[in-house]
Amino acid sequence: EVQESKRDGIEKLTRFLAVYIELVANDFGRCLIRTGLQPLTPPSRAKLLPVARQINGALQDIIRQGIKDGSIRSCDPKTVANAIFGSFNSVALWHQESGELAPAQIAGHYIDLFINGLRR
C-alpha cells in the first residue's frame, strides 16, 4: 500500500514507520524481536526470513524513491534502513502496554527524529 501510493518518498517513509511501530509494539512483534529468528524451528525460520528481507527491501526502496524525488537527502539506503530498524525494533524491548506512551506516540517521536534527520 505505502510503496504504490502517489506520495513522495518522505511521506511514504512516514507512513511505513507509523505502521511498522504498531507491529513492533504488539505481542507477536515483541515476541519475534525479543527472541529473534534463531530459536525458531527451521520451517518457521524459512517462512519468516523472506518476510523480514521483503520488509527491509521495501524500506530501502522507499528511501531510494525519496532520494530520487528529492524529498530525502542523499544517503545510503541500507545504512539508514539498518539504523531505523535498530531503533524501532528496540521499542519491543522496553515498551509496555501499561507505559506512559502509546505506540502511536512513540512512533511520532521516532518518526520526527528520523524524518527531520533525512529531510532535504
PDB file of N, CA and C in Angstrom:
ATOM      1  N   GLU A   1       0.827  -1.201   0.000  1.00  0.00           N
ATOM      2  CA  GLU A   1       0.000   0.000   0.000  1.00  0.00           C
ATOM      3  C   GLU A   1       0.864   1.254   0.000  1.00  0.00           C
ATOM      4  N   VAL A   2       1.826   1.313   0.875  1.00  0.00           N
ATOM      5  CA  VAL A   2       2.667   2.504   1.002  1.00  0.00           C
ATOM      6  C   VAL A   2       3.508   2.698  -0.253  1.00  0.00           C
ATOM      7  N   GLN A   3       4.136   1.634  -0.729  1.00  0.00           N
ATOM      8  CA  GLN A   3       5.013   1.746  -1.886  1.00  0.00           C
ATOM      9  C   GLN A   3       4.273   2.189  -3.139  1.00  0.00           C
ATOM     10  N   GLU A   4       3.032   1.788  -3.284  1.00  0.00           N
ATOM     11  CA  GLU A   4       2.301   2.083  -4.507  1.00  0.00           C
ATOM     12  C   GLU A   4       1.490   3.374  -4.437  1.00  0.00           C
ATOM     13  N   SER A   5       1.549   4.060  -3.329  1.00  0.00           N
ATOM     14  CA  SER A   5       0.799   5.308  -3.217  1.00  0.00           C
ATOM     15  C   SER A   5       1.478   6.390  -4.050  1.00  0.00           C
ATOM     16  N   LYS A   6       0.777   7.470  -4.251  1.00  0.00           N
ATOM     17  CA  LYS A   6       1.292   8.589  -5.047  1.00  0.00           C
ATOM     18  C   LYS A   6       2.071   9.594  -4.202  1.00  0.00           C
ATOM     19  N   ARG A   7       2.324   9.275  -2.964  1.00  0.00           N
ATOM     20  CA  ARG A   7       3.053  10.168  -2.057  1.00  0.00           C
ATOM     21  C   ARG A   7       4.521  10.255  -2.452  1.00  0.00           C
ATOM     22  N   ASP A   8       5.201  11.297  -1.970  1.00  0.00           N
ATOM     23  CA  ASP A   8       6.638  11.360  -2.195  1.00  0.00           C
ATOM     24  C   ASP A   8       7.336  10.452  -1.171  1.00  0.00           C
ATOM     25  N   GLY A   9       8.639  10.300  -1.337  1.00  0.00           N
ATOM     26  CA  GLY A   9       9.383   9.351  -0.505  1.00  0.00           C
ATOM     27  C   GLY A   9       9.292   9.621   0.979  1.00  0.00           C
ATOM     28  N   ILE A  10       9.395  10.873   1.391  1.00  0.00           N
ATOM     29  CA  ILE A  10       9.365  11.183   2.820  1.00  0.00           C
ATOM     30  C   ILE A  10       7.994  10.884   3.413  1.00  0.00           C
ATOM     31  N   GLU A  11       6.935  11.113   2.644  1.00  0.00           N
ATOM     32  CA  GLU A  11       5.583  10.791   3.109  1.00  0.00           C
ATOM     33  C   GLU A  11       5.388   9.280   3.196  1.00  0.00           C
ATOM     34  N   LYS A  12       5.919   8.551   2.221  1.00  0.00           N
ATOM     35  CA  LYS A  12       5.845   7.090   2.248  1.00  0.00           C
ATOM     36  C   LYS A  12       6.605   6.546   3.452  1.00  0.00           C
ATOM     37  N   LEU A  13       7.775   7.119   3.696  1.00  0.00           N
ATOM     38  CA  LEU A  13       8.581   6.684   4.832  1.00  0.00           C
ATOM     39  C   LEU A  13       7.832   6.920   6.139  1.00  0.00           C
ATOM     40  N   THR A  14       7.216   8.069   6.265  1.00  0.00           N
ATOM     41  CA  THR A  14       6.454   8.392   7.470  1.00  0.00           C
ATOM     42  C   THR A  14       5.346   7.372   7.689  1.00  0.00           C
ATOM     43  N   ARG A  15       4.606   7.049   6.662  1.00  0.00           N
ATOM     44  CA  ARG A  15       3.503   6.075   6.774  1.00  0.00           C
ATOM     45  C   ARG A  15       4.033   4.676   7.094  1.00  0.00           C
ATOM     46  N   PHE A  16       5.094   4.267   6.410  1.00  0.00           N
ATOM     47  CA  PHE A  16       5.702   2.959   6.647  1.00  0.00           C
ATOM     48  C   PHE A  16       6.100   2.821   8.113  1.00  0.00           C
ATOM     49  N   LEU A  17       6.758   3.851   8.655  1.00  0.00           N
ATOM     50  CA  LEU A  17       7.234   3.785  10.030  1.00  0.00           C
ATOM     51  C   LEU A  17       6.094   3.791  11.034  1.00  0.00           C
ATOM     52  N   ALA A  18       5.029   4.510  10.736  1.00  0.00           N
ATOM     53  CA  ALA A  18       3.865   4.524  11.632  1.00  0.00           C
ATOM     54  C   ALA A  18       3.241   3.129  11.720  1.00  0.00           C
ATOM     55  N   VAL A  19       3.152   2.455  10.597  1.00  0.00           N
ATOM     56  CA  VAL A  19       2.590   1.100  10.576  1.00  0.00           C
ATOM     57  C   VAL A  19       3.560   0.119  11.238  1.00  0.00           C
ATOM     58  N   TYR A  20       4.844   0.271  10.947  1.00  0.00           N
ATOM     59  CA  TYR A  20       5.843  -0.646  11.487  1.00  0.00           C
ATOM     60  C   TYR A  20       5.886  -0.610  13.012  1.00  0.00           C
ATOM     61  N   ILE A  21       5.805   0.568  13.598  1.00  0.00           N
ATOM     62  CA  ILE A  21       5.873   0.661  15.066  1.00  0.00           C
ATOM     63  C   ILE A  21       4.694  -0.053  15.710  1.00  0.00           C
ATOM     64  N   GLU A  22       3.545  -0.018  15.062  1.00  0.00           N
ATOM     65  CA  GLU A  22       2.378  -0.741  15.585  1.00  0.00           C
ATOM     66  C   GLU A  22       2.644  -2.248  15.589  1.00  0.00           C
ATOM     67  N   LEU A  23       3.326  -2.741  14.570  1.00  0.00           N
ATOM     68  CA  LEU A  23       3.667  -4.164  14.506  1.00  0.00           C
ATOM     69  C   LEU A  23       4.681  -4.544  15.579  1.00  0.00           C
ATOM     70  N   VAL A  24       5.670  -3.691  15.780  1.00  0.00           N
ATOM     71  CA  VAL A  24       6.716  -3.948  16.769  1.00  0.00           C
ATOM     72  C   VAL A  24       6.157  -3.953  18.187  1.00  0.00           C
ATOM     73  N   ALA A  25       5.154  -3.131  18.422  1.00  0.00           N
ATOM     74  CA  ALA A  25       4.632  -2.961  19.783  1.00  0.00           C
ATOM     75  C   ALA A  25       3.531  -3.957  20.139  1.00  0.00           C
ATOM     76  N   ASN A  26       3.106  -4.796  19.190  1.00  0.00           N
ATOM     77  CA  ASN A  26       2.084  -5.778  19.565  1.00  0.00           C
ATOM     78  C   ASN A  26       2.760  -7.051  20.086  1.00  0.00           C
ATOM     79  N   ASP A  27       1.982  -7.950  20.650  1.00  0.00           N
ATOM     80  CA  ASP A  27       2.543  -9.142  21.295  1.00  0.00           C
ATOM     81  C   ASP A  27       3.406  -9.976  20.350  1.00  0.00           C
ATOM     82  N   PHE A  28       2.919 -10.205  19.127  1.00  0.00           N
ATOM     83  CA  PHE A  28       3.671 -11.022  18.176  1.00  0.00           C
ATOM     84  C   PHE A  28       4.993 -10.353  17.819  1.00  0.00           C
ATOM     85  N   GLY A  29       4.947  -9.063  17.516  1.00  0.00           N
ATOM     86  CA  GLY A  29       6.158  -8.337  17.148  1.00  0.00           C
ATOM     87  C   GLY A  29       7.160  -8.313  18.278  1.00  0.00           C
ATOM     88  N   ARG A  30       6.676  -8.057  19.499  1.00  0.00           N
ATOM     89  CA  ARG A  30       7.559  -8.045  20.662  1.00  0.00           C
ATOM     90  C   ARG A  30       8.244  -9.399  20.826  1.00  0.00           C
ATOM     91  N   CYS A  31       7.462 -10.446  20.726  1.00  0.00           N
ATOM     92  CA  CYS A  31       7.998 -11.804  20.887  1.00  0.00           C
ATOM     93  C   CYS A  31       9.033 -12.115  19.808  1.00  0.00           C
ATOM     94  N   LEU A  32       8.708 -11.795  18.576  1.00  0.00           N
ATOM     95  CA  LEU A  32       9.611 -12.094  17.466  1.00  0.00           C
ATOM     96  C   LEU A  32      10.916 -11.317  17.582  1.00  0.00           C
ATOM     97  N   ILE A  33      10.840 -10.064  17.932  1.00  0.00           N
ATOM     98  CA  ILE A  33      12.052  -9.246  18.037  1.00  0.00           C
ATOM     99  C   ILE A  33      12.890  -9.649  19.243  1.00  0.00           C
ATOM    100  N   ARG A  34      12.234  -9.934  20.352  1.00  0.00           N
ATOM    101  CA  ARG A  34      12.983 -10.311  21.553  1.00  0.00           C
ATOM    102  C   ARG A  34      13.705 -11.640  21.393  1.00  0.00           C
ATOM    103  N   THR A  35      13.080 -12.586  20.708  1.00  0.00           N
ATOM    104  CA  THR A  35      13.693 -13.902  20.561  1.00  0.00           C
ATOM    105  C   THR A  35      14.546 -14.016  19.308  1.00  0.00           C
ATOM    106  N   GLY A  36      14.232 -13.257  18.283  1.00  0.00           N
ATOM    107  CA  GLY A  36      14.940 -13.369  17.013  1.00  0.00           C
ATOM    108  C   GLY A  36      14.501 -14.610  16.258  1.00  0.00           C
ATOM    109  N   LEU A  37      15.117 -14.848  15.133  1.00  0.00           N
ATOM    110  CA  LEU A  37      14.732 -15.981  14.294  1.00  0.00           C
ATOM    111  C   LEU A  37      15.441 -17.281  14.676  1.00  0.00           C
ATOM    112  N   GLN A  38      16.589 -17.193  15.342  1.00  0.00           N
ATOM    113  CA  GLN A  38      17.389 -18.387  15.619  1.00  0.00           C
ATOM    114  C   GLN A  38      16.666 -19.466  16.430  1.00  0.00           C
ATOM    115  N   PRO A  39      15.890 -19.119  17.469  1.00  0.00           N
ATOM    116  CA  PRO A  39      15.246 -20.183  18.246  1.00  0.00           C
ATOM    117  C   PRO A  39      14.085 -20.878  17.517  1.00  0.00           C
ATOM    118  N   LEU A  40      13.668 -20.314  16.402  1.00  0.00           N
ATOM    119  CA  LEU A  40      12.546 -20.906  15.681  1.00  0.00           C
ATOM    120  C   LEU A  40      12.952 -22.211  15.013  1.00  0.00           C
ATOM    121  N   THR A  41      11.970 -23.039  14.759  1.00  0.00           N
ATOM    122  CA  THR A  41      12.246 -24.264  14.012  1.00  0.00           C
ATOM    123  C   THR A  41      12.653 -23.881  12.594  1.00  0.00           C
ATOM    124  N   PRO A  42      13.435 -24.711  11.939  1.00  0.00           N
ATOM    125  CA  PRO A  42      13.848 -24.382  10.559  1.00  0.00           C
ATOM    126  C   PRO A  42      12.676 -24.048   9.623  1.00  0.00           C
ATOM    127  N   PRO A  43      11.548 -24.766   9.681  1.00  0.00           N
ATOM    128  CA  PRO A  43      10.438 -24.386   8.793  1.00  0.00           C
ATOM    129  C   PRO A  43       9.863 -22.994   9.114  1.00  0.00           C
ATOM    130  N   SER A  44       9.753 -22.669  10.401  1.00  0.00           N
ATOM    131  CA  SER A  44       9.246 -21.349  10.779  1.00  0.00           C
ATOM    132  C   SER A  44      10.225 -20.258  10.360  1.00  0.00           C
ATOM    133  N   ARG A  45      11.493 -20.520  10.581  1.00  0.00           N
ATOM    134  CA  ARG A  45      12.525 -19.556  10.192  1.00  0.00           C
ATOM    135  C   ARG A  45      12.510 -19.355   8.678  1.00  0.00           C
ATOM    136  N   ALA A  46      12.324 -20.447   7.942  1.00  0.00           N
ATOM    137  CA  ALA A  46      12.279 -20.367   6.479  1.00  0.00           C
ATOM    138  C   ALA A  46      11.086 -19.545   5.995  1.00  0.00           C
ATOM    139  N   LYS A  47       9.997 -19.537   6.756  1.00  0.00           N
ATOM    140  CA  LYS A  47       8.826 -18.721   6.405  1.00  0.00           C
ATOM    141  C   LYS A  47       9.053 -17.244   6.708  1.00  0.00           C
ATOM    142  N   LEU A  48       9.670 -16.954   7.845  1.00  0.00           N
ATOM    143  CA  LEU A  48       9.792 -15.571   8.299  1.00  0.00           C
ATOM    144  C   LEU A  48      10.977 -14.818   7.701  1.00  0.00           C
ATOM    145  N   LEU A  49      12.049 -15.506   7.364  1.00  0.00           N
ATOM    146  CA  LEU A  49      13.220 -14.824   6.822  1.00  0.00           C
ATOM    147  C   LEU A  49      12.907 -14.076   5.522  1.00  0.00           C
ATOM    148  N   PRO A  50      12.198 -14.678   4.577  1.00  0.00           N
ATOM    149  CA  PRO A  50      11.854 -13.917   3.369  1.00  0.00           C
ATOM    150  C   PRO A  50      10.964 -12.697   3.660  1.00  0.00           C
ATOM    151  N   VAL A  51      10.106 -12.801   4.658  1.00  0.00           N
ATOM    152  CA  VAL A  51       9.260 -11.666   5.035  1.00  0.00           C
ATOM    153  C   VAL A  51      10.122 -10.538   5.592  1.00  0.00           C
ATOM    154  N   ALA A  52      11.071 -10.877   6.448  1.00  0.00           N
ATOM    155  CA  ALA A  52      11.980  -9.869   7.004  1.00  0.00           C
ATOM    156  C   ALA A  52      12.783  -9.209   5.898  1.00  0.00           C
ATOM    157  N   ARG A  53      13.250  -9.990   4.953  1.00  0.00           N
ATOM    158  CA  ARG A  53      14.006  -9.427   3.822  1.00  0.00           C
ATOM    159  C   ARG A  53      13.121  -8.539   2.949  1.00  0.00           C
ATOM    160  N   GLN A  54      11.876  -8.937   2.790  1.00  0.00           N
ATOM    161  CA  GLN A  54      10.935  -8.143   1.986  1.00  0.00           C
ATOM    162  C   GLN A  54      10.672  -6.785   2.658  1.00  0.00           C
ATOM    163  N   ILE A  55      10.486  -6.802   3.960  1.00  0.00           N
ATOM    164  CA  ILE A  55      10.250  -5.555   4.699  1.00  0.00           C
ATOM    165  C   ILE A  55      11.480  -4.655   4.610  1.00  0.00           C
ATOM    166  N   ASN A  56      12.655  -5.231   4.782  1.00  0.00           N
ATOM    167  CA  ASN A  56      13.891  -4.461   4.684  1.00  0.00           C
ATOM    168  C   ASN A  56      14.044  -3.882   3.279  1.00  0.00           C
ATOM    169  N   GLY A  57      13.782  -4.688   2.277  1.00  0.00           N
ATOM    170  CA  GLY A  57      13.873  -4.220   0.889  1.00  0.00           C
ATOM    171  C   GLY A  57      12.878  -3.111   0.597  1.00  0.00           C
ATOM    172  N   ALA A  58      11.670  -3.242   1.150  1.00  0.00           N
ATOM    173  CA  ALA A  58      10.648  -2.211   0.944  1.00  0.00           C
ATOM    174  C   ALA A  58      11.085  -0.885   1.544  1.00  0.00           C
ATOM    175  N   LEU A  59      11.656  -0.935   2.739  1.00  0.00           N
ATOM    176  CA  LEU A  59      12.122   0.302   3.371  1.00  0.00           C
ATOM    177  C   LEU A  59      13.256   0.927   2.553  1.00  0.00           C
ATOM    178  N   GLN A  60      14.195   0.125   2.122  1.00  0.00           N
ATOM    179  CA  GLN A  60      15.282   0.655   1.306  1.00  0.00           C
ATOM    180  C   GLN A  60      14.760   1.264   0.003  1.00  0.00           C
ATOM    181  N   ASP A  61      13.764   0.620  -0.606  1.00  0.00           N
ATOM    182  CA  ASP A  61      13.166   1.150  -1.842  1.00  0.00           C
ATOM    183  C   ASP A  61      12.493   2.496  -1.601  1.00  0.00           C
ATOM    184  N   ILE A  62      11.791   2.618  -0.488  1.00  0.00           N
ATOM    185  CA  ILE A  62      11.134   3.881  -0.154  1.00  0.00           C
ATOM    186  C   ILE A  62      12.181   4.982   0.022  1.00  0.00           C
ATOM    187  N   ILE A  63      13.273   4.656   0.689  1.00  0.00           N
ATOM    188  CA  ILE A  63      14.345   5.639   0.878  1.00  0.00           C
ATOM    189  C   ILE A  63      14.932   6.040  -0.471  1.00  0.00           C
ATOM    190  N   ARG A  64      15.165   5.067  -1.349  1.00  0.00           N
ATOM    191  CA  ARG A  64      15.682   5.369  -2.691  1.00  0.00           C
ATOM    192  C   ARG A  64      14.713   6.269  -3.471  1.00  0.00           C
ATOM    193  N   GLN A  65      13.414   5.972  -3.359  1.00  0.00           N
ATOM    194  CA  GLN A  65      12.413   6.802  -4.038  1.00  0.00           C
ATOM    195  C   GLN A  65      12.479   8.234  -3.528  1.00  0.00           C
ATOM    196  N   GLY A  66      12.624   8.390  -2.224  1.00  0.00           N
ATOM    197  CA  GLY A  66      12.715   9.724  -1.642  1.00  0.00           C
ATOM    198  C   GLY A  66      13.952  10.473  -2.097  1.00  0.00           C
ATOM    199  N   ILE A  67      15.051   9.764  -2.220  1.00  0.00           N
ATOM    200  CA  ILE A  67      16.279  10.393  -2.726  1.00  0.00           C
ATOM    201  C   ILE A  67      16.048  10.846  -4.164  1.00  0.00           C
ATOM    202  N   LYS A  68      15.433   9.957  -4.936  1.00  0.00           N
ATOM    203  CA  LYS A  68      15.182  10.264  -6.354  1.00  0.00           C
ATOM    204  C   LYS A  68      14.236  11.448  -6.524  1.00  0.00           C
ATOM    205  N   ASP A  69      13.178  11.503  -5.703  1.00  0.00           N
ATOM    206  CA  ASP A  69      12.213  12.605  -5.871  1.00  0.00           C
ATOM    207  C   ASP A  69      12.627  13.869  -5.117  1.00  0.00           C
ATOM    208  N   GLY A  70      13.743  13.800  -4.385  1.00  0.00           N
ATOM    209  CA  GLY A  70      14.279  14.973  -3.717  1.00  0.00           C
ATOM    210  C   GLY A  70      13.710  15.252  -2.333  1.00  0.00           C
ATOM    211  N   SER A  71      12.850  14.379  -1.833  1.00  0.00           N
ATOM    212  CA  SER A  71      12.270  14.614  -0.500  1.00  0.00           C
ATOM    213  C   SER A  71      13.162  14.080   0.620  1.00  0.00           C
ATOM    214  N   ILE A  72      14.125  13.234   0.263  1.00  0.00           N
ATOM    215  CA  ILE A  72      15.092  12.691   1.218  1.00  0.00           C
ATOM    216  C   ILE A  72      16.480  13.038   0.706  1.00  0.00           C
ATOM    217  N   ARG A  73      17.321  13.502   1.606  1.00  0.00           N
ATOM    218  CA  ARG A  73      18.676  13.877   1.207  1.00  0.00           C
ATOM    219  C   ARG A  73      19.462  12.652   0.777  1.00  0.00           C
ATOM    220  N   SER A  74      20.539  12.854   0.071  1.00  0.00           N
ATOM    221  CA  SER A  74      21.383  11.773  -0.393  1.00  0.00           C
ATOM    222  C   SER A  74      21.951  11.018   0.819  1.00  0.00           C
ATOM    223  N   CYS A  75      21.805   9.702   0.799  1.00  0.00           N
ATOM    224  CA  CYS A  75      22.285   8.858   1.885  1.00  0.00           C
ATOM    225  C   CYS A  75      22.359   7.425   1.377  1.00  0.00           C
ATOM    226  N   ASP A  76      22.916   6.545   2.180  1.00  0.00           N
ATOM    227  CA  ASP A  76      22.980   5.133   1.833  1.00  0.00           C
ATOM    228  C   ASP A  76      21.723   4.447   2.369  1.00  0.00           C
ATOM    229  N   PRO A  77      20.812   4.010   1.486  1.00  0.00           N
ATOM    230  CA  PRO A  77      19.552   3.413   1.942  1.00  0.00           C
ATOM    231  C   PRO A  77      19.720   2.221   2.880  1.00  0.00           C
ATOM    232  N   LYS A  78      20.726   1.398   2.653  1.00  0.00           N
ATOM    233  CA  LYS A  78      20.917   0.219   3.507  1.00  0.00           C
ATOM    234  C   LYS A  78      21.303   0.642   4.924  1.00  0.00           C
ATOM    235  N   THR A  79      22.218   1.585   5.043  1.00  0.00           N
ATOM    236  CA  THR A  79      22.646   2.061   6.355  1.00  0.00           C
ATOM    237  C   THR A  79      21.493   2.732   7.096  1.00  0.00           C
ATOM    238  N   VAL A  80      20.733   3.555   6.380  1.00  0.00           N
ATOM    239  CA  VAL A  80      19.592   4.236   7.001  1.00  0.00           C
ATOM    240  C   VAL A  80      18.553   3.209   7.445  1.00  0.00           C
ATOM    241  N   ALA A  81      18.264   2.224   6.600  1.00  0.00           N
ATOM    242  CA  ALA A  81      17.288   1.186   6.967  1.00  0.00           C
ATOM    243  C   ALA A  81      17.755   0.439   8.212  1.00  0.00           C
ATOM    244  N   ASN A  82      19.038   0.102   8.280  1.00  0.00           N
ATOM    245  CA  ASN A  82      19.560  -0.592   9.463  1.00  0.00           C
ATOM    246  C   ASN A  82      19.422   0.268  10.716  1.00  0.00           C
ATOM    247  N   ALA A  83      19.695   1.563  10.585  1.00  0.00           N
ATOM    248  CA  ALA A  83      19.557   2.466  11.734  1.00  0.00           C
ATOM    249  C   ALA A  83      18.101   2.560  12.170  1.00  0.00           C
ATOM    250  N   ILE A  84      17.207   2.665  11.211  1.00  0.00           N
ATOM    251  CA  ILE A  84      15.781   2.754  11.534  1.00  0.00           C
ATOM    252  C   ILE A  84      15.308   1.470  12.205  1.00  0.00           C
ATOM    253  N   PHE A  85      15.625   0.328  11.614  1.00  0.00           N
ATOM    254  CA  PHE A  85      15.169  -0.927  12.207  1.00  0.00           C
ATOM    255  C   PHE A  85      15.781  -1.149  13.582  1.00  0.00           C
ATOM    256  N   GLY A  86      17.039  -0.811  13.751  1.00  0.00           N
ATOM    257  CA  GLY A  86      17.662  -0.955  15.070  1.00  0.00           C
ATOM    258  C   GLY A  86      16.940  -0.126  16.108  1.00  0.00           C
ATOM    259  N   SER A  87      16.622   1.083  15.746  1.00  0.00           N
ATOM    260  CA  SER A  87      15.927   1.988  16.668  1.00  0.00           C
ATOM    261  C   SER A  87      14.490   1.539  16.921  1.00  0.00           C
ATOM    262  N   PHE A  88      13.757   1.307  15.858  1.00  0.00           N
ATOM    263  CA  PHE A  88      12.347   0.948  16.005  1.00  0.00           C
ATOM    264  C   PHE A  88      12.186  -0.420  16.653  1.00  0.00           C
ATOM    265  N   ASN A  89      13.045  -1.373  16.320  1.00  0.00           N
ATOM    266  CA  ASN A  89      12.935  -2.700  16.931  1.00  0.00           C
ATOM    267  C   ASN A  89      13.226  -2.660  18.425  1.00  0.00           C
ATOM    268  N   SER A  90      14.008  -1.691  18.863  1.00  0.00           N
ATOM    269  CA  SER A  90      14.308  -1.594  20.290  1.00  0.00           C
ATOM    270  C   SER A  90      13.054  -1.293  21.112  1.00  0.00           C
ATOM    271  N   VAL A  91      12.042  -0.748  20.485  1.00  0.00           N
ATOM    272  CA  VAL A  91      10.784  -0.460  21.192  1.00  0.00           C
ATOM    273  C   VAL A  91      10.217  -1.743  21.795  1.00  0.00           C
ATOM    274  N   ALA A  92      10.394  -2.856  21.095  1.00  0.00           N
ATOM    275  CA  ALA A  92       9.890  -4.145  21.589  1.00  0.00           C
ATOM    276  C   ALA A  92      10.579  -4.560  22.882  1.00  0.00           C
ATOM    277  N   LEU A  93      11.751  -4.021  23.144  1.00  0.00           N
ATOM    278  CA  LEU A  93      12.495  -4.384  24.344  1.00  0.00           C
ATOM    279  C   LEU A  93      12.098  -3.578  25.569  1.00  0.00           C
ATOM    280  N   TRP A  94      11.591  -2.368  25.374  1.00  0.00           N
ATOM    281  CA  TRP A  94      11.296  -1.524  26.531  1.00  0.00           C
ATOM    282  C   TRP A  94       9.837  -1.083  26.652  1.00  0.00           C
ATOM    283  N   HIS A  95       9.096  -1.097  25.564  1.00  0.00           N
ATOM    284  CA  HIS A  95       7.711  -0.615  25.630  1.00  0.00           C
ATOM    285  C   HIS A  95       6.826  -1.607  26.380  1.00  0.00           C
ATOM    286  N   GLN A  96       5.973  -1.075  27.239  1.00  0.00           N
ATOM    287  CA  GLN A  96       4.975  -1.885  27.933  1.00  0.00           C
ATOM    288  C   GLN A  96       3.605  -1.269  27.654  1.00  0.00           C
ATOM    289  N   GLU A  97       2.625  -2.141  27.472  1.00  0.00           N
ATOM    290  CA  GLU A  97       1.273  -1.653  27.175  1.00  0.00           C
ATOM    291  C   GLU A  97       0.770  -0.705  28.253  1.00  0.00           C
ATOM    292  N   SER A  98       1.193  -0.910  29.493  1.00  0.00           N
ATOM    293  CA  SER A  98       0.754  -0.058  30.595  1.00  0.00           C
ATOM    294  C   SER A  98       1.625   1.190  30.749  1.00  0.00           C
ATOM    295  N   GLY A  99       2.577   1.378  29.847  1.00  0.00           N
ATOM    296  CA  GLY A  99       3.501   2.501  29.940  1.00  0.00           C
ATOM    297  C   GLY A  99       2.851   3.834  29.627  1.00  0.00           C
ATOM    298  N   GLU A 100       3.621   4.884  29.794  1.00  0.00           N
ATOM    299  CA  GLU A 100       3.126   6.237  29.601  1.00  0.00           C
ATOM    300  C   GLU A 100       2.793   6.550  28.144  1.00  0.00           C
ATOM    301  N   LEU A 101       3.531   5.974  27.217  1.00  0.00           N
ATOM    302  CA  LEU A 101       3.351   6.295  25.805  1.00  0.00           C
ATOM    303  C   LEU A 101       2.710   5.145  25.042  1.00  0.00           C
ATOM    304  N   ALA A 102       1.737   5.482  24.237  1.00  0.00           N
ATOM    305  CA  ALA A 102       1.124   4.507  23.332  1.00  0.00           C
ATOM    306  C   ALA A 102       2.043   4.346  22.116  1.00  0.00           C
ATOM    307  N   PRO A 103       1.930   3.233  21.404  1.00  0.00           N
ATOM    308  CA  PRO A 103       2.770   3.041  20.222  1.00  0.00           C
ATOM    309  C   PRO A 103       2.688   4.210  19.230  1.00  0.00           C
ATOM    310  N   ALA A 104       1.524   4.780  19.045  1.00  0.00           N
ATOM    311  CA  ALA A 104       1.391   5.901  18.109  1.00  0.00           C
ATOM    312  C   ALA A 104       2.193   7.114  18.582  1.00  0.00           C
ATOM    313  N   GLN A 105       2.262   7.321  19.883  1.00  0.00           N
ATOM    314  CA  GLN A 105       3.044   8.439  20.415  1.00  0.00           C
ATOM    315  C   GLN A 105       4.546   8.189  20.242  1.00  0.00           C
ATOM    316  N   ILE A 106       4.944   6.961  20.492  1.00  0.00           N
ATOM    317  CA  ILE A 106       6.351   6.592  20.287  1.00  0.00           C
ATOM    318  C   ILE A 106       6.701   6.769  18.817  1.00  0.00           C
ATOM    319  N   ALA A 107       5.819   6.306  17.959  1.00  0.00           N
ATOM    320  CA  ALA A 107       6.039   6.463  16.519  1.00  0.00           C
ATOM    321  C   ALA A 107       6.217   7.927  16.166  1.00  0.00           C
ATOM    322  N   GLY A 108       5.399   8.782  16.726  1.00  0.00           N
ATOM    323  CA  GLY A 108       5.507  10.209  16.447  1.00  0.00           C
ATOM    324  C   GLY A 108       6.877  10.757  16.809  1.00  0.00           C
ATOM    325  N   HIS A 109       7.390  10.392  17.968  1.00  0.00           N
ATOM    326  CA  HIS A 109       8.713  10.854  18.401  1.00  0.00           C
ATOM    327  C   HIS A 109       9.816  10.296  17.499  1.00  0.00           C
ATOM    328  N   TYR A 110       9.761   9.003  17.237  1.00  0.00           N
ATOM    329  CA  TYR A 110      10.795   8.367  16.420  1.00  0.00           C
ATOM    330  C   TYR A 110      10.744   8.889  14.986  1.00  0.00           C
ATOM    331  N   ILE A 111       9.544   8.997  14.452  1.00  0.00           N
ATOM    332  CA  ILE A 111       9.398   9.478  13.077  1.00  0.00           C
ATOM    333  C   ILE A 111       9.938  10.899  12.967  1.00  0.00           C
ATOM    334  N   ASP A 112       9.612  11.747  13.914  1.00  0.00           N
ATOM    335  CA  ASP A 112      10.115  13.112  13.897  1.00  0.00           C
ATOM    336  C   ASP A 112      11.644  13.123  13.883  1.00  0.00           C
ATOM    337  N   LEU A 113      12.238  12.297  14.707  1.00  0.00           N
ATOM    338  CA  LEU A 113      13.692  12.229  14.785  1.00  0.00           C
ATOM    339  C   LEU A 113      14.298  11.820  13.433  1.00  0.00           C
ATOM    340  N   PHE A 114      13.776  10.762  12.847  1.00  0.00           N
ATOM    341  CA  PHE A 114      14.347  10.279  11.586  1.00  0.00           C
ATOM    342  C   PHE A 114      13.982  11.169  10.397  1.00  0.00           C
ATOM    343  N   ILE A 115      12.747  11.583  10.324  1.00  0.00           N
ATOM    344  CA  ILE A 115      12.313  12.389   9.185  1.00  0.00           C
ATOM    345  C   ILE A 115      13.069  13.708   9.147  1.00  0.00           C
ATOM    346  N   ASN A 116      13.195  14.370  10.275  1.00  0.00           N
ATOM    347  CA  ASN A 116      13.918  15.643  10.275  1.00  0.00           C
ATOM    348  C   ASN A 116      15.402  15.454   9.995  1.00  0.00           C
ATOM    349  N   GLY A 117      15.932  14.289  10.334  1.00  0.00           N
ATOM    350  CA  GLY A 117      17.325  13.997  10.014  1.00  0.00           C
ATOM    351  C   GLY A 117      17.534  13.654   8.550  1.00  0.00           C
ATOM    352  N   LEU A 118      16.482  13.174   7.889  1.00  0.00           N
ATOM    353  CA  LEU A 118      16.602  12.763   6.485  1.00  0.00           C
ATOM    354  C   LEU A 118      16.072  13.793   5.499  1.00  0.00           C
ATOM    355  N   ARG A 119      15.282  14.721   6.014  1.00  0.00           N
ATOM    356  CA  ARG A 119      14.661  15.694   5.119  1.00  0.00           C
ATOM    357  C   ARG A 119      15.723  16.485   4.376  1.00  0.00           C
ATOM    358  N   ARG A 120      15.435  16.755   3.170  1.00  0.00           N
ATOM    359  CA  ARG A 120      16.356  17.511   2.308  1.00  0.00           C
ATOM    360  C   ARG A 120      16.262  18.978   2.602  1.00  0.00           C
TER     361      ARG A 120
END
